[in-house]
C-alpha atoms as a PDB file:
ATOM      1  CA  MET A   1      25.683 -26.441  27.385  1.00  0.00           C
ATOM      2  CA  ALA A   2      26.818 -24.126  24.567  1.00  0.00           C
ATOM      3  CA  LYS A   3      29.617 -25.035  22.161  1.00  0.00           C
ATOM      4  CA  THR A   4      31.551 -22.750  19.846  1.00  0.00           C
ATOM      5  CA  ILE A   5      33.102 -24.204  16.676  1.00  0.00           C
ATOM      6  CA  THR A   6      33.857 -23.064  13.156  1.00  0.00           C
ATOM      7  CA  PHE A   7      31.134 -23.321  10.535  1.00  0.00           C
ATOM      8  CA  ASN A   8      33.414 -25.515   8.415  1.00  0.00           C
ATOM      9  CA  GLU A   9      33.858 -27.921  11.358  1.00  0.00           C
ATOM     10  CA  LEU A  10      30.087 -28.142  11.755  1.00  0.00           C
ATOM     11  CA  ARG A  11      29.710 -28.847   8.028  1.00  0.00           C
ATOM     12  CA  ARG A  12      32.420 -31.548   8.199  1.00  0.00           C
ATOM     13  CA  VAL A  13      30.426 -33.317  10.891  1.00  0.00           C
ATOM     14  CA  LYS A  14      27.274 -33.082   8.732  1.00  0.00           C
ATOM     15  CA  ASP A  15      29.110 -34.268   5.620  1.00  0.00           C
ATOM     16  CA  ASN A  16      30.534 -37.293   7.430  1.00  0.00           C
ATOM     17  CA  LEU A  17      27.181 -38.545   8.713  1.00  0.00           C
ATOM     18  CA  PRO A  18      26.042 -41.850   7.239  1.00  0.00           C
ATOM     19  CA  ASP A  19      23.010 -41.709   4.918  1.00  0.00           C
ATOM     20  CA  GLY A  20      19.746 -41.379   6.822  1.00  0.00           C
ATOM     21  CA  SER A  21      21.377 -40.067   9.987  1.00  0.00           C
ATOM     22  CA  MET A  22      19.421 -36.823  10.085  1.00  0.00           C
ATOM     23  CA  LYS A  23      16.136 -38.734   9.993  1.00  0.00           C
ATOM     24  CA  ILE A  24      17.362 -41.028  12.787  1.00  0.00           C
ATOM     25  CA  ILE A  25      18.344 -38.037  14.933  1.00  0.00           C
ATOM     26  CA  ALA A  26      15.022 -36.297  14.193  1.00  0.00           C
ATOM     27  CA  ASP A  27      13.055 -39.438  15.108  1.00  0.00           C
ATOM     28  CA  LYS A  28      14.992 -39.908  18.380  1.00  0.00           C
ATOM     29  CA  LEU A  29      14.392 -36.289  19.385  1.00  0.00           C
ATOM     30  CA  ASN A  30      10.828 -36.183  18.040  1.00  0.00           C
ATOM     31  CA  VAL A  31      11.521 -33.169  15.816  1.00  0.00           C
ATOM     32  CA  ASP A  32      11.123 -32.570  12.079  1.00  0.00           C
ATOM     33  CA  VAL A  33      14.115 -33.612   9.966  1.00  0.00           C
ATOM     34  CA  GLU A  34      14.278 -30.012   8.650  1.00  0.00           C
ATOM     35  CA  THR A  35      14.959 -28.871  12.206  1.00  0.00           C
ATOM     36  CA  VAL A  36      18.022 -31.140  12.279  1.00  0.00           C
ATOM     37  CA  ARG A  37      19.117 -29.779   8.893  1.00  0.00           C
ATOM     38  CA  ASN A  38      18.703 -26.221  10.239  1.00  0.00           C
ATOM     39  CA  TYR A  39      21.041 -27.172  13.083  1.00  0.00           C
ATOM     40  CA  PHE A  40      23.736 -27.892  10.512  1.00  0.00           C
ATOM     41  CA  GLY A  41      23.223 -24.572   8.732  1.00  0.00           C
ATOM     42  CA  GLY A  42      19.999 -25.076   6.834  1.00  0.00           C
ATOM     43  CA  THR A  43      17.403 -22.319   6.641  1.00  0.00           C
ATOM     44  CA  ASN A  44      14.074 -24.073   6.050  1.00  0.00           C
ATOM     45  CA  TYR A  45      11.972 -22.477   8.783  1.00  0.00           C
ATOM     46  CA  GLN A  46       8.640 -23.232   7.113  1.00  0.00           C
ATOM     47  CA  GLN A  47       8.889 -26.950   7.970  1.00  0.00           C
ATOM     48  CA  GLY A  48      11.739 -26.964  10.513  1.00  0.00           C
ATOM     49  CA  LYS A  49      12.266 -24.823  13.583  1.00  0.00           C
ATOM     50  CA  PRO A  50      15.151 -22.506  14.551  1.00  0.00           C
ATOM     51  CA  VAL A  51      17.621 -24.338  16.770  1.00  0.00           C
ATOM     52  CA  GLY A  52      19.805 -21.895  18.708  1.00  0.00           C
ATOM     53  CA  PHE A  53      22.406 -21.599  15.953  1.00  0.00           C
ATOM     54  CA  HIS A  54      24.306 -18.300  16.187  1.00  0.00           C
ATOM     55  CA  PHE A  55      26.673 -17.407  13.335  1.00  0.00           C
ATOM     56  CA  GLU A  56      29.409 -14.787  13.169  1.00  0.00           C
ATOM     57  CA  GLN A  57      31.433 -14.281  10.004  1.00  0.00           C
ATOM     58  CA  GLY A  58      35.136 -14.961  10.186  1.00  0.00           C
ATOM     59  CA  PRO A  59      37.916 -17.297   9.084  1.00  0.00           C
ATOM     60  CA  ASP A  60      37.248 -20.997   8.348  1.00  0.00           C
ATOM     61  CA  GLY A  61      33.645 -20.256   7.406  1.00  0.00           C
ATOM     62  CA  GLY A  62      32.921 -18.192  10.499  1.00  0.00           C
ATOM     63  CA  ILE A  63      32.166 -19.028  14.109  1.00  0.00           C
ATOM     64  CA  VAL A  64      29.041 -20.901  15.187  1.00  0.00           C
ATOM     65  CA  THR A  65      27.733 -21.057  18.723  1.00  0.00           C
ATOM     66  CA  LEU A  66      25.350 -23.931  19.391  1.00  0.00           C
ATOM     67  CA  ASP A  67      23.090 -23.306  22.401  1.00  0.00           C
ATOM     68  CA  ASP A  68      22.363 -27.009  22.850  1.00  0.00           C
ATOM     69  CA  THR A  69      24.829 -29.715  21.762  1.00  0.00           C
ATOM     70  CA  THR A  70      22.397 -32.655  21.815  1.00  0.00           C
ATOM     71  CA  ILE A  71      22.153 -32.953  18.004  1.00  0.00           C
ATOM     72  CA  PHE A  72      25.904 -32.319  17.598  1.00  0.00           C
ATOM     73  CA  ASP A  73      26.758 -34.982  20.185  1.00  0.00           C
ATOM     74  CA  MET A  74      24.419 -37.521  18.565  1.00  0.00           C
ATOM     75  CA  ALA A  75      25.940 -36.798  15.167  1.00  0.00           C
ATOM     76  CA  LYS A  76      29.500 -37.177  16.476  1.00  0.00           C
ATOM     77  CA  SER A  77      28.622 -40.528  18.092  1.00  0.00           C
ATOM     78  CA  MET A  78      27.169 -41.783  14.784  1.00  0.00           C
ATOM     79  CA  ILE A  79      30.437 -40.921  13.033  1.00  0.00           C
ATOM     80  CA  ASP A  80      32.692 -42.549  15.645  1.00  0.00           C
END
């Protein structure tokens, strides 16, 4: 299910993750850690894969549509 949020909100989630969380998420989903970083706005496509991250410029860092919320939901649960 797709989710639309601001880029700054997505970065706040990333910034609030405990150390090592991206590796834990990557291991659980059997993907490269760079793929998880790309989900949060990274652009390393040599090691990681694109992740259905659609960006449109605008206020509060712009609008991001996430095609699949699995990584986002896992990250939110690690913060809570």
